[in-house]
């Protein structure tokens, strides 16, 4: 994982895949509520007038001065769960986000992700 200092400073940074292809622009970081570590990013994707927030895992991500590089490819992100730009990830959709990236999810009766 990468250092989580000044997470808010990263907002608006480009998010790129392992090949350097731009996925979108970082909107927010979602932390795992059990560890308080960054776990997913919401990334603004889509075309002008039809933007959405798509969830991208941060496991293995690296931060550079001008971008955040994630370990998943742009094609996988394209089909990932998303919400409207003014929407909220509801607790009942959390398992869908984890499942899309084949990440383990254990329901515990409380939210697993919190926006920072």
PDB file of N, CA and C in Angstrom:
ATOM      1  N   UNK A   1       0.851  -1.173   0.000  1.00  0.00           N
ATOM      2  CA  UNK A   1       0.000   0.000   0.000  1.00  0.00           C
ATOM      3  C   UNK A   1       0.893   1.231   0.000  1.00  0.00           C
ATOM      4  N   UNK A   2       0.314   2.352  -0.275  1.00  0.00           N
ATOM      5  CA  UNK A   2       1.058   3.593  -0.342  1.00  0.00           C
ATOM      6  C   UNK A   2       0.756   4.448   0.883  1.00  0.00           C
ATOM      7  N   UNK A   3       1.615   5.439   1.189  1.00  0.00           N
ATOM      8  CA  UNK A   3       1.359   6.281   2.352  1.00  0.00           C
ATOM      9  C   UNK A   3       0.062   7.069   2.172  1.00  0.00           C
ATOM     10  N   UNK A   4      -0.706   7.193   3.243  1.00  0.00           N
ATOM     11  CA  UNK A   4      -2.017   7.832   3.161  1.00  0.00           C
ATOM     12  C   UNK A   4      -2.021   9.276   3.658  1.00  0.00           C
ATOM     13  N   UNK A   5      -0.879   9.910   3.710  1.00  0.00           N
ATOM     14  CA  UNK A   5      -0.833  11.300   4.141  1.00  0.00           C
ATOM     15  C   UNK A   5      -1.432  12.196   3.063  1.00  0.00           C
ATOM     16  N   UNK A   6      -2.120  13.226   3.504  1.00  0.00           N
ATOM     17  CA  UNK A   6      -2.660  14.245   2.606  1.00  0.00           C
ATOM     18  C   UNK A   6      -3.503  13.680   1.469  1.00  0.00           C
ATOM     19  N   UNK A   7      -4.377  12.739   1.795  1.00  0.00           N
ATOM     20  CA  UNK A   7      -5.228  12.125   0.777  1.00  0.00           C
ATOM     21  C   UNK A   7      -5.998  13.181  -0.003  1.00  0.00           C
ATOM     22  N   UNK A   8      -6.474  14.199   0.684  1.00  0.00           N
ATOM     23  CA  UNK A   8      -7.274  15.233   0.006  1.00  0.00           C
ATOM     24  C   UNK A   8      -6.468  15.972  -1.060  1.00  0.00           C
ATOM     25  N   UNK A   9      -5.151  16.021  -0.894  1.00  0.00           N
ATOM     26  CA  UNK A   9      -4.307  16.687  -1.888  1.00  0.00           C
ATOM     27  C   UNK A   9      -4.313  15.950  -3.222  1.00  0.00           C
ATOM     28  N   UNK A  10      -4.660  14.683  -3.221  1.00  0.00           N
ATOM     29  CA  UNK A  10      -4.638  13.892  -4.453  1.00  0.00           C
ATOM     30  C   UNK A  10      -5.879  14.117  -5.303  1.00  0.00           C
ATOM     31  N   UNK A  11      -6.940  14.678  -4.699  1.00  0.00           N
ATOM     32  CA  UNK A  11      -8.187  14.882  -5.437  1.00  0.00           C
ATOM     33  C   UNK A  11      -7.911  15.711  -6.690  1.00  0.00           C
ATOM     34  N   UNK A  12      -8.457  15.255  -7.811  1.00  0.00           N
ATOM     35  CA  UNK A  12      -8.252  15.932  -9.085  1.00  0.00           C
ATOM     36  C   UNK A  12      -7.070  15.385  -9.869  1.00  0.00           C
ATOM     37  N   UNK A  13      -6.289  14.492  -9.258  1.00  0.00           N
ATOM     38  CA  UNK A  13      -5.156  13.881  -9.963  1.00  0.00           C
ATOM     39  C   UNK A  13      -5.650  12.859 -10.979  1.00  0.00           C
ATOM     40  N   UNK A  14      -4.872  12.680 -12.020  1.00  0.00           N
ATOM     41  CA  UNK A  14      -5.188  11.627 -12.986  1.00  0.00           C
ATOM     42  C   UNK A  14      -4.975  10.264 -12.339  1.00  0.00           C
ATOM     43  N   UNK A  15      -5.831   9.329 -12.695  1.00  0.00           N
ATOM     44  CA  UNK A  15      -5.674   7.938 -12.284  1.00  0.00           C
ATOM     45  C   UNK A  15      -5.351   7.161 -13.548  1.00  0.00           C
ATOM     46  N   UNK A  16      -4.234   6.419 -13.520  1.00  0.00           N
ATOM     47  CA  UNK A  16      -3.795   5.682 -14.705  1.00  0.00           C
ATOM     48  C   UNK A  16      -3.674   4.199 -14.378  1.00  0.00           C
ATOM     49  N   UNK A  17      -3.753   3.384 -15.427  1.00  0.00           N
ATOM     50  CA  UNK A  17      -3.615   1.934 -15.245  1.00  0.00           C
ATOM     51  C   UNK A  17      -2.142   1.549 -15.336  1.00  0.00           C
ATOM     52  N   UNK A  18      -1.794   0.265 -15.205  1.00  0.00           N
ATOM     53  CA  UNK A  18      -0.383  -0.142 -15.228  1.00  0.00           C
ATOM     54  C   UNK A  18       0.358   0.263 -16.504  1.00  0.00           C
ATOM     55  N   UNK A  19      -0.371   0.408 -17.621  1.00  0.00           N
ATOM     56  CA  UNK A  19       0.260   0.806 -18.884  1.00  0.00           C
ATOM     57  C   UNK A  19       0.357   2.313 -19.046  1.00  0.00           C
ATOM     58  N   UNK A  20      -0.171   3.068 -18.087  1.00  0.00           N
ATOM     59  CA  UNK A  20      -0.141   4.524 -18.170  1.00  0.00           C
ATOM     60  C   UNK A  20      -1.345   5.126 -18.867  1.00  0.00           C
ATOM     61  N   UNK A  21      -2.314   4.304 -19.247  1.00  0.00           N
ATOM     62  CA  UNK A  21      -3.533   4.821 -19.884  1.00  0.00           C
ATOM     63  C   UNK A  21      -4.404   5.489 -18.828  1.00  0.00           C
ATOM     64  N   UNK A  22      -4.885   6.681 -19.154  1.00  0.00           N
ATOM     65  CA  UNK A  22      -5.717   7.413 -18.200  1.00  0.00           C
ATOM     66  C   UNK A  22      -7.069   6.727 -18.039  1.00  0.00           C
ATOM     67  N   UNK A  23      -7.426   6.478 -16.782  1.00  0.00           N
ATOM     68  CA  UNK A  23      -8.726   5.905 -16.451  1.00  0.00           C
ATOM     69  C   UNK A  23      -9.717   7.028 -16.182  1.00  0.00           C
ATOM     70  N   UNK A  24      -9.269   8.052 -15.475  1.00  0.00           N
ATOM     71  CA  UNK A  24     -10.135   9.171 -15.121  1.00  0.00           C
ATOM     72  C   UNK A  24      -9.447  10.070 -14.116  1.00  0.00           C
ATOM     73  N   UNK A  25     -10.255  10.821 -13.365  1.00  0.00           N
ATOM     74  CA  UNK A  25      -9.756  11.786 -12.396  1.00  0.00           C
ATOM     75  C   UNK A  25     -10.205  11.381 -10.996  1.00  0.00           C
ATOM     76  N   UNK A  26      -9.281  11.407 -10.051  1.00  0.00           N
ATOM     77  CA  UNK A  26      -9.586  11.011  -8.679  1.00  0.00           C
ATOM     78  C   UNK A  26     -10.595  11.966  -8.055  1.00  0.00           C
ATOM     79  N   UNK A  27     -11.681  11.403  -7.548  1.00  0.00           N
ATOM     80  CA  UNK A  27     -12.710  12.186  -6.860  1.00  0.00           C
ATOM     81  C   UNK A  27     -12.588  12.028  -5.343  1.00  0.00           C
ATOM     82  N   UNK A  28     -12.502  10.784  -4.868  1.00  0.00           N
ATOM     83  CA  UNK A  28     -12.446  10.552  -3.419  1.00  0.00           C
ATOM     84  C   UNK A  28     -11.768   9.222  -3.130  1.00  0.00           C
ATOM     85  N   UNK A  29     -11.348   9.076  -1.890  1.00  0.00           N
ATOM     86  CA  UNK A  29     -10.762   7.834  -1.400  1.00  0.00           C
ATOM     87  C   UNK A  29     -11.743   7.213  -0.412  1.00  0.00           C
ATOM     88  N   UNK A  30     -11.926   5.907  -0.530  1.00  0.00           N
ATOM     89  CA  UNK A  30     -12.742   5.151   0.417  1.00  0.00           C
ATOM     90  C   UNK A  30     -11.808   4.262   1.222  1.00  0.00           C
ATOM     91  N   UNK A  31     -11.900   4.374   2.541  1.00  0.00           N
ATOM     92  CA  UNK A  31     -11.040   3.579   3.414  1.00  0.00           C
ATOM     93  C   UNK A  31     -11.807   2.373   3.940  1.00  0.00           C
ATOM     94  N   UNK A  32     -11.056   1.333   4.259  1.00  0.00           N
ATOM     95  CA  UNK A  32     -11.616   0.151   4.903  1.00  0.00           C
ATOM     96  C   UNK A  32     -11.889   0.537   6.356  1.00  0.00           C
ATOM     97  N   UNK A  33     -13.127   0.416   6.798  1.00  0.00           N
ATOM     98  CA  UNK A  33     -13.481   0.857   8.151  1.00  0.00           C
ATOM     99  C   UNK A  33     -12.839   0.016   9.249  1.00  0.00           C
ATOM    100  N   UNK A  34     -12.363  -1.173   8.912  1.00  0.00           N
ATOM    101  CA  UNK A  34     -11.720  -2.008   9.931  1.00  0.00           C
ATOM    102  C   UNK A  34     -10.254  -1.640  10.135  1.00  0.00           C
ATOM    103  N   UNK A  35      -9.619  -1.072   9.114  1.00  0.00           N
ATOM    104  CA  UNK A  35      -8.194  -0.736   9.211  1.00  0.00           C
ATOM    105  C   UNK A  35      -7.911   0.754   9.054  1.00  0.00           C
ATOM    106  N   UNK A  36      -8.869   1.505   8.540  1.00  0.00           N
ATOM    107  CA  UNK A  36      -8.730   2.928   8.212  1.00  0.00           C
ATOM    108  C   UNK A  36      -7.656   3.164   7.140  1.00  0.00           C
ATOM    109  N   UNK A  37      -7.384   2.137   6.344  1.00  0.00           N
ATOM    110  CA  UNK A  37      -6.427   2.240   5.239  1.00  0.00           C
ATOM    111  C   UNK A  37      -7.178   2.486   3.931  1.00  0.00           C
ATOM    112  N   UNK A  38      -6.587   3.258   3.009  1.00  0.00           N
ATOM    113  CA  UNK A  38      -7.223   3.465   1.701  1.00  0.00           C
ATOM    114  C   UNK A  38      -7.448   2.127   1.006  1.00  0.00           C
ATOM    115  N   UNK A  39      -8.650   1.921   0.448  1.00  0.00           N
ATOM    116  CA  UNK A  39      -8.972   0.646  -0.176  1.00  0.00           C
ATOM    117  C   UNK A  39      -9.513   0.797  -1.591  1.00  0.00           C
ATOM    118  N   UNK A  40     -10.352   1.791  -1.818  1.00  0.00           N
ATOM    119  CA  UNK A  40     -10.886   2.077  -3.151  1.00  0.00           C
ATOM    120  C   UNK A  40     -10.798   3.568  -3.412  1.00  0.00           C
ATOM    121  N   UNK A  41     -10.745   3.915  -4.686  1.00  0.00           N
ATOM    122  CA  UNK A  41     -10.873   5.303  -5.113  1.00  0.00           C
ATOM    123  C   UNK A  41     -12.138   5.412  -5.941  1.00  0.00           C
ATOM    124  N   UNK A  42     -12.820   6.540  -5.823  1.00  0.00           N
ATOM    125  CA  UNK A  42     -13.879   6.822  -6.789  1.00  0.00           C
ATOM    126  C   UNK A  42     -13.242   7.737  -7.829  1.00  0.00           C
ATOM    127  N   UNK A  43     -13.432   7.361  -9.085  1.00  0.00           N
ATOM    128  CA  UNK A  43     -12.765   8.027 -10.196  1.00  0.00           C
ATOM    129  C   UNK A  43     -13.826   8.535 -11.169  1.00  0.00           C
ATOM    130  N   UNK A  44     -13.724   9.811 -11.536  1.00  0.00           N
ATOM    131  CA  UNK A  44     -14.649  10.371 -12.515  1.00  0.00           C
ATOM    132  C   UNK A  44     -14.287   9.815 -13.882  1.00  0.00           C
ATOM    133  N   UNK A  45     -15.251   9.132 -14.493  1.00  0.00           N
ATOM    134  CA  UNK A  45     -15.048   8.534 -15.815  1.00  0.00           C
ATOM    135  C   UNK A  45     -16.209   8.934 -16.718  1.00  0.00           C
ATOM    136  N   UNK A  46     -16.087   8.622 -17.989  1.00  0.00           N
ATOM    137  CA  UNK A  46     -17.156   8.903 -18.935  1.00  0.00           C
ATOM    138  C   UNK A  46     -16.874  10.142 -19.757  1.00  0.00           C
ATOM    139  N   UNK A  47     -17.827  10.461 -20.622  1.00  0.00           N
ATOM    140  CA  UNK A  47     -17.667  11.612 -21.506  1.00  0.00           C
ATOM    141  C   UNK A  47     -18.371  12.828 -20.911  1.00  0.00           C
ATOM    142  N   UNK A  48     -18.016  14.000 -21.392  1.00  0.00           N
ATOM    143  CA  UNK A  48     -18.600  15.242 -20.892  1.00  0.00           C
ATOM    144  C   UNK A  48     -20.121  15.156 -20.981  1.00  0.00           C
ATOM    145  N   UNK A  49     -20.756  15.517 -19.894  1.00  0.00           N
ATOM    146  CA  UNK A  49     -22.212  15.463 -19.830  1.00  0.00           C
ATOM    147  C   UNK A  49     -22.752  14.116 -19.385  1.00  0.00           C
ATOM    148  N   UNK A  50     -21.891  13.107 -19.345  1.00  0.00           N
ATOM    149  CA  UNK A  50     -22.315  11.766 -18.926  1.00  0.00           C
ATOM    150  C   UNK A  50     -21.284  11.144 -17.987  1.00  0.00           C
ATOM    151  N   UNK A  51     -20.748  11.974 -17.100  1.00  0.00           N
ATOM    152  CA  UNK A  51     -19.759  11.477 -16.143  1.00  0.00           C
ATOM    153  C   UNK A  51     -20.413  10.594 -15.093  1.00  0.00           C
ATOM    154  N   UNK A  52     -19.608   9.720 -14.528  1.00  0.00           N
ATOM    155  CA  UNK A  52     -20.029   8.867 -13.419  1.00  0.00           C
ATOM    156  C   UNK A  52     -18.814   8.643 -12.531  1.00  0.00           C
ATOM    157  N   UNK A  53     -19.050   8.154 -11.331  1.00  0.00           N
ATOM    158  CA  UNK A  53     -17.961   7.800 -10.419  1.00  0.00           C
ATOM    159  C   UNK A  53     -17.831   6.290 -10.407  1.00  0.00           C
ATOM    160  N   UNK A  54     -16.656   5.821 -10.789  1.00  0.00           N
ATOM    161  CA  UNK A  54     -16.376   4.393 -10.870  1.00  0.00           C
ATOM    162  C   UNK A  54     -15.399   4.031  -9.762  1.00  0.00           C
ATOM    163  N   UNK A  55     -15.588   2.859  -9.175  1.00  0.00           N
ATOM    164  CA  UNK A  55     -14.751   2.432  -8.057  1.00  0.00           C
ATOM    165  C   UNK A  55     -13.579   1.592  -8.544  1.00  0.00           C
ATOM    166  N   UNK A  56     -12.381   1.952  -8.048  1.00  0.00           N
ATOM    167  CA  UNK A  56     -11.135   1.312  -8.460  1.00  0.00           C
ATOM    168  C   UNK A  56     -10.361   0.921  -7.199  1.00  0.00           C
ATOM    169  N   UNK A  57      -9.887  -0.333  -7.098  1.00  0.00           N
ATOM    170  CA  UNK A  57      -9.137  -0.744  -5.907  1.00  0.00           C
ATOM    171  C   UNK A  57      -7.769  -0.071  -5.842  1.00  0.00           C
ATOM    172  N   UNK A  58      -7.329   0.179  -4.618  1.00  0.00           N
ATOM    173  CA  UNK A  58      -6.046   0.847  -4.415  1.00  0.00           C
ATOM    174  C   UNK A  58      -4.937  -0.094  -3.971  1.00  0.00           C
ATOM    175  N   UNK A  59      -5.210  -1.374  -3.859  1.00  0.00           N
ATOM    176  CA  UNK A  59      -4.178  -2.335  -3.476  1.00  0.00           C
ATOM    177  C   UNK A  59      -3.026  -2.266  -4.474  1.00  0.00           C
ATOM    178  N   UNK A  60      -1.829  -1.983  -3.980  1.00  0.00           N
ATOM    179  CA  UNK A  60      -0.651  -1.910  -4.835  1.00  0.00           C
ATOM    180  C   UNK A  60      -0.507  -0.612  -5.606  1.00  0.00           C
ATOM    181  N   UNK A  61      -1.391   0.351  -5.370  1.00  0.00           N
ATOM    182  CA  UNK A  61      -1.319   1.627  -6.091  1.00  0.00           C
ATOM    183  C   UNK A  61      -0.071   2.403  -5.686  1.00  0.00           C
ATOM    184  N   UNK A  62       0.415   3.226  -6.607  1.00  0.00           N
ATOM    185  CA  UNK A  62       1.560   4.089  -6.327  1.00  0.00           C
ATOM    186  C   UNK A  62       1.192   5.523  -6.678  1.00  0.00           C
ATOM    187  N   UNK A  63       1.766   6.443  -5.926  1.00  0.00           N
ATOM    188  CA  UNK A  63       1.479   7.857  -6.114  1.00  0.00           C
ATOM    189  C   UNK A  63       2.693   8.529  -6.732  1.00  0.00           C
ATOM    190  N   UNK A  64       2.455   9.332  -7.756  1.00  0.00           N
ATOM    191  CA  UNK A  64       3.493  10.142  -8.382  1.00  0.00           C
ATOM    192  C   UNK A  64       3.023  11.598  -8.303  1.00  0.00           C
ATOM    193  N   UNK A  65       3.897  12.547  -8.596  1.00  0.00           N
ATOM    194  CA  UNK A  65       3.484  13.948  -8.491  1.00  0.00           C
ATOM    195  C   UNK A  65       2.268  14.311  -9.359  1.00  0.00           C
ATOM    196  N   UNK A  66       2.115  13.645 -10.498  1.00  0.00           N
ATOM    197  CA  UNK A  66       1.034  14.044 -11.411  1.00  0.00           C
ATOM    198  C   UNK A  66      -0.033  12.976 -11.633  1.00  0.00           C
ATOM    199  N   UNK A  67       0.056  11.844 -10.930  1.00  0.00           N
ATOM    200  CA  UNK A  67      -0.958  10.805 -11.122  1.00  0.00           C
ATOM    201  C   UNK A  67      -0.924   9.761 -10.004  1.00  0.00           C
ATOM    202  N   UNK A  68      -1.974   8.965 -10.003  1.00  0.00           N
ATOM    203  CA  UNK A  68      -2.078   7.805  -9.128  1.00  0.00           C
ATOM    204  C   UNK A  68      -2.153   6.597 -10.051  1.00  0.00           C
ATOM    205  N   UNK A  69      -1.196   5.671  -9.924  1.00  0.00           N
ATOM    206  CA  UNK A  69      -1.165   4.478 -10.780  1.00  0.00           C
ATOM    207  C   UNK A  69      -1.759   3.303 -10.011  1.00  0.00           C
ATOM    208  N   UNK A  70      -2.803   2.702 -10.589  1.00  0.00           N
ATOM    209  CA  UNK A  70      -3.452   1.548  -9.965  1.00  0.00           C
ATOM    210  C   UNK A  70      -3.008   0.273 -10.672  1.00  0.00           C
ATOM    211  N   UNK A  71      -3.318  -0.866 -10.082  1.00  0.00           N
ATOM    212  CA  UNK A  71      -2.827  -2.141 -10.618  1.00  0.00           C
ATOM    213  C   UNK A  71      -3.829  -2.849 -11.517  1.00  0.00           C
ATOM    214  N   UNK A  72      -4.994  -2.249 -11.731  1.00  0.00           N
ATOM    215  CA  UNK A  72      -5.997  -2.871 -12.606  1.00  0.00           C
ATOM    216  C   UNK A  72      -6.049  -2.124 -13.932  1.00  0.00           C
ATOM    217  N   UNK A  73      -6.350  -2.867 -14.991  1.00  0.00           N
ATOM    218  CA  UNK A  73      -6.398  -2.282 -16.321  1.00  0.00           C
ATOM    219  C   UNK A  73      -7.652  -1.471 -16.581  1.00  0.00           C
ATOM    220  N   UNK A  74      -7.524  -0.559 -17.514  1.00  0.00           N
ATOM    221  CA  UNK A  74      -8.629   0.321 -17.895  1.00  0.00           C
ATOM    222  C   UNK A  74      -9.853  -0.475 -18.350  1.00  0.00           C
ATOM    223  N   UNK A  75      -9.642  -1.581 -19.052  1.00  0.00           N
ATOM    224  CA  UNK A  75     -10.772  -2.384 -19.538  1.00  0.00           C
ATOM    225  C   UNK A  75     -11.583  -2.981 -18.394  1.00  0.00           C
ATOM    226  N   UNK A  76     -10.919  -3.403 -17.320  1.00  0.00           N
ATOM    227  CA  UNK A  76     -11.635  -3.948 -16.173  1.00  0.00           C
ATOM    228  C   UNK A  76     -12.428  -2.849 -15.468  1.00  0.00           C
ATOM    229  N   UNK A  77     -11.841  -1.675 -15.383  1.00  0.00           N
ATOM    230  CA  UNK A  77     -12.499  -0.546 -14.726  1.00  0.00           C
ATOM    231  C   UNK A  77     -13.738  -0.112 -15.509  1.00  0.00           C
ATOM    232  N   UNK A  78     -13.663  -0.218 -16.822  1.00  0.00           N
ATOM    233  CA  UNK A  78     -14.772   0.209 -17.681  1.00  0.00           C
ATOM    234  C   UNK A  78     -16.102  -0.429 -17.286  1.00  0.00           C
ATOM    235  N   UNK A  79     -16.058  -1.685 -16.854  1.00  0.00           N
ATOM    236  CA  UNK A  79     -17.275  -2.419 -16.492  1.00  0.00           C
ATOM    237  C   UNK A  79     -17.522  -2.462 -14.984  1.00  0.00           C
ATOM    238  N   UNK A  80     -16.768  -1.690 -14.225  1.00  0.00           N
ATOM    239  CA  UNK A  80     -16.879  -1.717 -12.763  1.00  0.00           C
ATOM    240  C   UNK A  80     -18.145  -1.006 -12.286  1.00  0.00           C
ATOM    241  N   UNK A  81     -18.603  -1.348 -11.084  1.00  0.00           N
ATOM    242  CA  UNK A  81     -19.753  -0.650 -10.509  1.00  0.00           C
ATOM    243  C   UNK A  81     -19.472   0.848 -10.404  1.00  0.00           C
ATOM    244  N   UNK A  82     -20.510   1.635 -10.629  1.00  0.00           N
ATOM    245  CA  UNK A  82     -20.366   3.088 -10.577  1.00  0.00           C
ATOM    246  C   UNK A  82     -21.627   3.705  -9.983  1.00  0.00           C
ATOM    247  N   UNK A  83     -21.523   4.986  -9.664  1.00  0.00           N
ATOM    248  CA  UNK A  83     -22.655   5.760  -9.156  1.00  0.00           C
ATOM    249  C   UNK A  83     -22.678   7.091  -9.895  1.00  0.00           C
ATOM    250  N   UNK A  84     -23.783   7.822  -9.779  1.00  0.00           N
ATOM    251  CA  UNK A  84     -23.853   9.167 -10.337  1.00  0.00           C
ATOM    252  C   UNK A  84     -22.834  10.053  -9.629  1.00  0.00           C
ATOM    253  N   UNK A  85     -22.422  11.135 -10.288  1.00  0.00           N
ATOM    254  CA  UNK A  85     -21.408  12.013  -9.700  1.00  0.00           C
ATOM    255  C   UNK A  85     -21.873  12.656  -8.400  1.00  0.00           C
ATOM    256  N   UNK A  86     -23.173  12.753  -8.197  1.00  0.00           N
ATOM    257  CA  UNK A  86     -23.678  13.290  -6.934  1.00  0.00           C
ATOM    258  C   UNK A  86     -24.266  12.178  -6.060  1.00  0.00           C
ATOM    259  N   UNK A  87     -23.954  10.934  -6.418  1.00  0.00           N
ATOM    260  CA  UNK A  87     -24.497   9.781  -5.706  1.00  0.00           C
ATOM    261  C   UNK A  87     -23.634   9.343  -4.544  1.00  0.00           C
ATOM    262  N   UNK A  88     -24.090   8.285  -3.905  1.00  0.00           N
ATOM    263  CA  UNK A  88     -23.390   7.726  -2.750  1.00  0.00           C
ATOM    264  C   UNK A  88     -23.357   6.205  -2.892  1.00  0.00           C
ATOM    265  N   UNK A  89     -22.244   5.620  -2.520  1.00  0.00           N
ATOM    266  CA  UNK A  89     -22.147   4.160  -2.510  1.00  0.00           C
ATOM    267  C   UNK A  89     -22.907   3.653  -1.290  1.00  0.00           C
ATOM    268  N   UNK A  90     -24.003   2.957  -1.534  1.00  0.00           N
ATOM    269  CA  UNK A  90     -24.809   2.442  -0.430  1.00  0.00           C
ATOM    270  C   UNK A  90     -24.218   1.125   0.073  1.00  0.00           C
ATOM    271  N   UNK A  91     -24.519   0.806   1.321  1.00  0.00           N
ATOM    272  CA  UNK A  91     -23.978  -0.408   1.941  1.00  0.00           C
ATOM    273  C   UNK A  91     -24.357  -1.661   1.162  1.00  0.00           C
ATOM    274  N   UNK A  92     -25.554  -1.682   0.572  1.00  0.00           N
ATOM    275  CA  UNK A  92     -25.975  -2.884  -0.149  1.00  0.00           C
ATOM    276  C   UNK A  92     -25.247  -3.069  -1.476  1.00  0.00           C
ATOM    277  N   UNK A  93     -24.546  -2.024  -1.963  1.00  0.00           N
ATOM    278  CA  UNK A  93     -23.777  -2.149  -3.207  1.00  0.00           C
ATOM    279  C   UNK A  93     -22.305  -2.455  -2.963  1.00  0.00           C
ATOM    280  N   UNK A  94     -21.850  -2.364  -1.726  1.00  0.00           N
ATOM    281  CA  UNK A  94     -20.446  -2.642  -1.427  1.00  0.00           C
ATOM    282  C   UNK A  94     -20.002  -4.023  -1.904  1.00  0.00           C
ATOM    283  N   UNK A  95     -20.763  -5.095  -1.641  1.00  0.00           N
ATOM    284  CA  UNK A  95     -20.322  -6.423  -2.095  1.00  0.00           C
ATOM    285  C   UNK A  95     -20.123  -6.499  -3.611  1.00  0.00           C
ATOM    286  N   UNK A  96     -20.929  -5.762  -4.357  1.00  0.00           N
ATOM    287  CA  UNK A  96     -20.827  -5.734  -5.820  1.00  0.00           C
ATOM    288  C   UNK A  96     -19.475  -5.171  -6.263  1.00  0.00           C
ATOM    289  N   UNK A  97     -19.024  -4.131  -5.579  1.00  0.00           N
ATOM    290  CA  UNK A  97     -17.737  -3.507  -5.911  1.00  0.00           C
ATOM    291  C   UNK A  97     -16.598  -4.493  -5.643  1.00  0.00           C
ATOM    292  N   UNK A  98     -16.600  -5.129  -4.490  1.00  0.00           N
ATOM    293  CA  UNK A  98     -15.565  -6.102  -4.150  1.00  0.00           C
ATOM    294  C   UNK A  98     -15.577  -7.270  -5.136  1.00  0.00           C
ATOM    295  N   UNK A  99     -16.765  -7.778  -5.444  1.00  0.00           N
ATOM    296  CA  UNK A  99     -16.893  -8.941  -6.335  1.00  0.00           C
ATOM    297  C   UNK A  99     -16.373  -8.647  -7.734  1.00  0.00           C
ATOM    298  N   UNK A 100     -16.586  -7.439  -8.227  1.00  0.00           N
ATOM    299  CA  UNK A 100     -16.132  -7.099  -9.576  1.00  0.00           C
ATOM    300  C   UNK A 100     -14.625  -7.303  -9.720  1.00  0.00           C
ATOM    301  N   UNK A 101     -13.889  -6.995  -8.670  1.00  0.00           N
ATOM    302  CA  UNK A 101     -12.429  -7.123  -8.701  1.00  0.00           C
ATOM    303  C   UNK A 101     -11.946  -8.409  -8.030  1.00  0.00           C
ATOM    304  N   UNK A 102     -12.850  -9.336  -7.760  1.00  0.00           N
ATOM    305  CA  UNK A 102     -12.527 -10.618  -7.111  1.00  0.00           C
ATOM    306  C   UNK A 102     -11.815 -10.424  -5.775  1.00  0.00           C
ATOM    307  N   UNK A 103     -12.265  -9.436  -5.013  1.00  0.00           N
ATOM    308  CA  UNK A 103     -11.701  -9.162  -3.693  1.00  0.00           C
ATOM    309  C   UNK A 103     -12.617  -9.752  -2.629  1.00  0.00           C
ATOM    310  N   UNK A 104     -12.050 -10.293  -1.556  1.00  0.00           N
ATOM    311  CA  UNK A 104     -12.889 -10.898  -0.513  1.00  0.00           C
ATOM    312  C   UNK A 104     -13.740  -9.849   0.196  1.00  0.00           C
ATOM    313  N   UNK A 105     -14.958 -10.221   0.493  1.00  0.00           N
ATOM    314  CA  UNK A 105     -15.875  -9.338   1.220  1.00  0.00           C
ATOM    315  C   UNK A 105     -16.619 -10.168   2.250  1.00  0.00           C
ATOM    316  N   UNK A 106     -16.541  -9.752   3.500  1.00  0.00           N
ATOM    317  CA  UNK A 106     -17.244 -10.446   4.570  1.00  0.00           C
ATOM    318  C   UNK A 106     -18.249  -9.487   5.185  1.00  0.00           C
ATOM    319  N   UNK A 107     -19.535  -9.749   4.989  1.00  0.00           N
ATOM    320  CA  UNK A 107     -20.536  -8.866   5.598  1.00  0.00           C
ATOM    321  C   UNK A 107     -20.429  -8.922   7.121  1.00  0.00           C
ATOM    322  N   UNK A 108     -20.510  -7.756   7.742  1.00  0.00           N
ATOM    323  CA  UNK A 108     -20.369  -7.720   9.200  1.00  0.00           C
ATOM    324  C   UNK A 108     -21.489  -6.938   9.868  1.00  0.00           C
ATOM    325  N   UNK A 109     -22.456  -6.500   9.100  1.00  0.00           N
ATOM    326  CA  UNK A 109     -23.540  -5.716   9.673  1.00  0.00           C
ATOM    327  C   UNK A 109     -23.237  -4.232   9.748  1.00  0.00           C
ATOM    328  N   UNK A 110     -21.993  -3.853   9.440  1.00  0.00           N
ATOM    329  CA  UNK A 110     -21.622  -2.437   9.403  1.00  0.00           C
ATOM    330  C   UNK A 110     -20.979  -2.147   8.056  1.00  0.00           C
ATOM    331  N   UNK A 111     -20.920  -0.886   7.722  1.00  0.00           N
ATOM    332  CA  UNK A 111     -20.305  -0.503   6.456  1.00  0.00           C
ATOM    333  C   UNK A 111     -18.846  -0.917   6.441  1.00  0.00           C
ATOM    334  N   UNK A 112     -18.396  -1.361   5.297  1.00  0.00           N
ATOM    335  CA  UNK A 112     -16.999  -1.770   5.144  1.00  0.00           C
ATOM    336  C   UNK A 112     -16.163  -0.616   4.610  1.00  0.00           C
ATOM    337  N   UNK A 113     -16.793   0.309   3.853  1.00  0.00           N
ATOM    338  CA  UNK A 113     -16.071   1.413   3.237  1.00  0.00           C
ATOM    339  C   UNK A 113     -16.607   2.753   3.734  1.00  0.00           C
ATOM    340  N   UNK A 114     -15.698   3.705   3.934  1.00  0.00           N
ATOM    341  CA  UNK A 114     -16.077   5.057   4.333  1.00  0.00           C
ATOM    342  C   UNK A 114     -15.335   6.047   3.449  1.00  0.00           C
ATOM    343  N   UNK A 115     -16.041   7.055   2.973  1.00  0.00           N
ATOM    344  CA  UNK A 115     -15.439   8.060   2.094  1.00  0.00           C
ATOM    345  C   UNK A 115     -14.618   9.048   2.909  1.00  0.00           C
ATOM    346  N   UNK A 116     -13.454   9.394   2.374  1.00  0.00           N
ATOM    347  CA  UNK A 116     -12.588  10.397   3.013  1.00  0.00           C
ATOM    348  C   UNK A 116     -12.383  11.552   2.076  1.00  0.00           C
TER     349      UNK A 116
END
